[in-house]
Amino acid sequence: MMRTTTILLIAGLAVAASACTESRRARNAATWSDQPADITCWTYGTETFSGRSTGKVEYNDGGRIAFVDAANGRYTTIDGECRVVYLAEGEEAAAPAAAKAPGGLAGPVAPPPAVPEA
C-alpha cells in the first residue's frame, strides 16, 4: 500500500511539473528572446497604435511598453492597453484584421445622457 501511494505521488508530481513547462517556455521566450511582435494599443477604446516591433518588447511597472518600430526603425514608447503577439520563429503575421479594443469597445465611448433636473 505504501509503495503504491509513493508511485502515484511521484507520477502525479511528474505530470504537474511537465504541465508548467510549456507555459514557462513561452514566457521565457517572450521575455528573453529577440522575437518580433505584432502590437496593437488602445486608449479609452480608440486604437492608438498598430504595428510591429523589430525585436524584443520591454515592459515597465507603469504599463508603458518600449520597442523599435519595424516601420520606421525608431525607438517607440507607448502608454495604454496593448496587445502584444509574439511571432513564431520564421512566421509572418497575417494581414491585420480590424482589431477590437479590450472590453469589446469598437470606438470612443459616448457620455451618458443628461438627466433632466426636476
Protein backbone atom coordinates (compact mmCIF):
# COMPACT_ATOMS: atom_id res chain seq x y z
CA MET A 1 0.00 0.00 0.00
CA MET A 2 2.78 2.42 0.91
CA ARG A 3 4.68 1.61 -2.29
CA THR A 4 1.58 2.24 -4.46
CA THR A 5 0.98 5.59 -2.76
CA THR A 6 4.60 6.61 -3.31
CA ILE A 7 4.49 5.65 -7.00
CA LEU A 8 1.23 7.57 -7.53
CA LEU A 9 2.66 10.59 -5.73
CA ILE A 10 5.80 10.58 -7.89
CA ALA A 11 3.75 10.12 -11.07
CA GLY A 12 1.44 12.99 -10.08
CA LEU A 13 4.39 15.30 -9.41
CA ALA A 14 5.95 14.39 -12.77
CA VAL A 15 2.73 15.23 -14.61
CA ALA A 16 2.30 18.50 -12.69
CA ALA A 17 5.90 19.55 -13.36
CA SER A 18 5.66 18.85 -17.08
CA ALA A 19 2.36 20.76 -17.40
CA CYS A 20 4.04 24.00 -16.35
CA THR A 21 6.99 23.75 -18.70
CA GLU A 22 5.07 24.71 -21.87
CA SER A 23 3.79 27.99 -20.43
CA ARG A 24 7.12 28.69 -18.77
CA ARG A 25 8.97 28.14 -22.06
CA ALA A 26 6.61 30.54 -23.84
CA ARG A 27 7.02 33.18 -21.12
CA ASN A 28 10.82 32.85 -21.13
CA ALA A 29 10.92 33.02 -24.92
CA ALA A 30 8.87 36.22 -24.88
CA THR A 31 10.91 37.72 -22.04
CA TRP A 32 14.46 36.85 -23.06
CA SER A 33 14.39 36.35 -26.82
CA ASP A 34 14.60 38.93 -29.53
CA GLN A 35 11.48 37.87 -31.45
CA PRO A 36 9.41 40.41 -33.39
CA ALA A 37 5.85 41.02 -32.23
CA ASP A 38 2.64 42.47 -33.60
CA ILE A 39 1.49 45.27 -31.29
CA THR A 40 -1.93 46.93 -31.08
CA CYS A 41 -2.69 49.57 -28.43
CA TRP A 42 -5.84 51.38 -27.34
CA THR A 43 -6.65 54.38 -25.18
CA TYR A 44 -10.24 54.75 -23.98
CA GLY A 45 -11.42 52.29 -26.62
CA THR A 46 -9.74 54.08 -29.53
CA GLU A 47 -6.91 52.34 -31.35
CA THR A 48 -3.81 54.49 -30.98
CA PHE A 49 -1.13 52.22 -32.46
CA SER A 50 -0.95 49.15 -34.66
CA GLY A 51 2.40 47.91 -35.89
CA ARG A 52 5.29 45.51 -35.44
CA SER A 53 8.48 45.55 -33.41
CA THR A 54 11.82 44.57 -34.88
CA GLY A 55 12.65 42.56 -31.77
CA LYS A 56 12.16 42.47 -28.03
CA VAL A 57 9.35 44.45 -26.42
CA GLU A 58 10.24 45.85 -22.99
CA TYR A 59 7.66 46.42 -20.26
CA ASN A 60 7.88 48.66 -17.19
CA ASP A 61 5.84 48.75 -13.99
CA GLY A 62 3.83 51.79 -15.07
CA GLY A 63 2.20 50.00 -18.00
CA ARG A 64 4.45 51.51 -20.67
CA ILE A 65 5.94 49.36 -23.42
CA ALA A 66 9.06 50.18 -25.43
CA PHE A 67 10.32 48.69 -28.69
CA VAL A 68 11.90 49.52 -32.05
CA ASP A 69 9.16 50.09 -34.62
CA ALA A 70 9.74 47.98 -37.76
CA ALA A 71 8.05 50.57 -40.00
CA ASN A 72 10.48 53.41 -39.30
CA GLY A 73 13.31 51.94 -37.18
CA ARG A 74 12.65 54.36 -34.30
CA TYR A 75 12.65 53.54 -30.61
CA THR A 76 9.00 53.86 -29.57
CA THR A 77 7.29 54.00 -26.16
CA ILE A 78 3.55 53.70 -25.69
CA ASP A 79 1.22 54.09 -22.71
CA GLY A 80 -2.15 52.37 -22.81
CA GLU A 81 -3.73 48.97 -23.08
CA CYS A 82 -1.68 46.97 -25.55
CA ARG A 83 -1.93 43.50 -27.04
CA VAL A 84 1.49 42.07 -27.89
CA VAL A 85 1.53 38.92 -30.03
CA TYR A 86 4.95 37.35 -30.49
CA LEU A 87 5.55 35.72 -33.83
CA ALA A 88 6.86 32.17 -34.01
CA GLU A 89 10.29 31.56 -35.47
CA GLY A 90 10.09 32.41 -39.20
CA GLU A 91 6.36 33.20 -39.06
CA GLU A 92 4.95 36.14 -40.95
CA ALA A 93 1.97 37.91 -39.46
CA ALA A 94 -1.38 37.67 -41.18
CA ALA A 95 -2.87 40.82 -42.60
CA PRO A 96 -4.12 42.80 -39.62
CA ALA A 97 -7.85 42.43 -39.23
CA ALA A 98 -9.92 45.13 -37.62
CA ALA A 99 -8.93 44.55 -34.02
CA LYS A 100 -11.43 45.28 -31.32
CA ALA A 101 -10.49 47.26 -28.28
CA PRO A 102 -10.30 45.48 -24.92
CA GLY A 103 -13.73 45.06 -23.42
CA GLY A 104 -15.38 44.80 -26.83
CA LEU A 105 -15.45 48.56 -27.43
CA ALA A 106 -15.10 49.49 -31.07
CA GLY A 107 -14.59 53.21 -30.71
CA PRO A 108 -14.95 56.19 -28.42
CA VAL A 109 -17.44 55.80 -25.63
CA ALA A 110 -20.29 58.34 -25.62
CA PRO A 111 -21.09 60.07 -22.32
CA PRO A 112 -24.29 59.04 -20.57
CA PRO A 113 -27.40 61.04 -21.47
CA ALA A 114 -28.08 64.14 -19.41
CA VAL A 115 -30.58 63.73 -16.61
CA PRO A 116 -33.22 66.47 -16.61
CA GLU A 117 -33.46 68.37 -13.36
CA ALA A 118 -36.78 68.27 -11.54
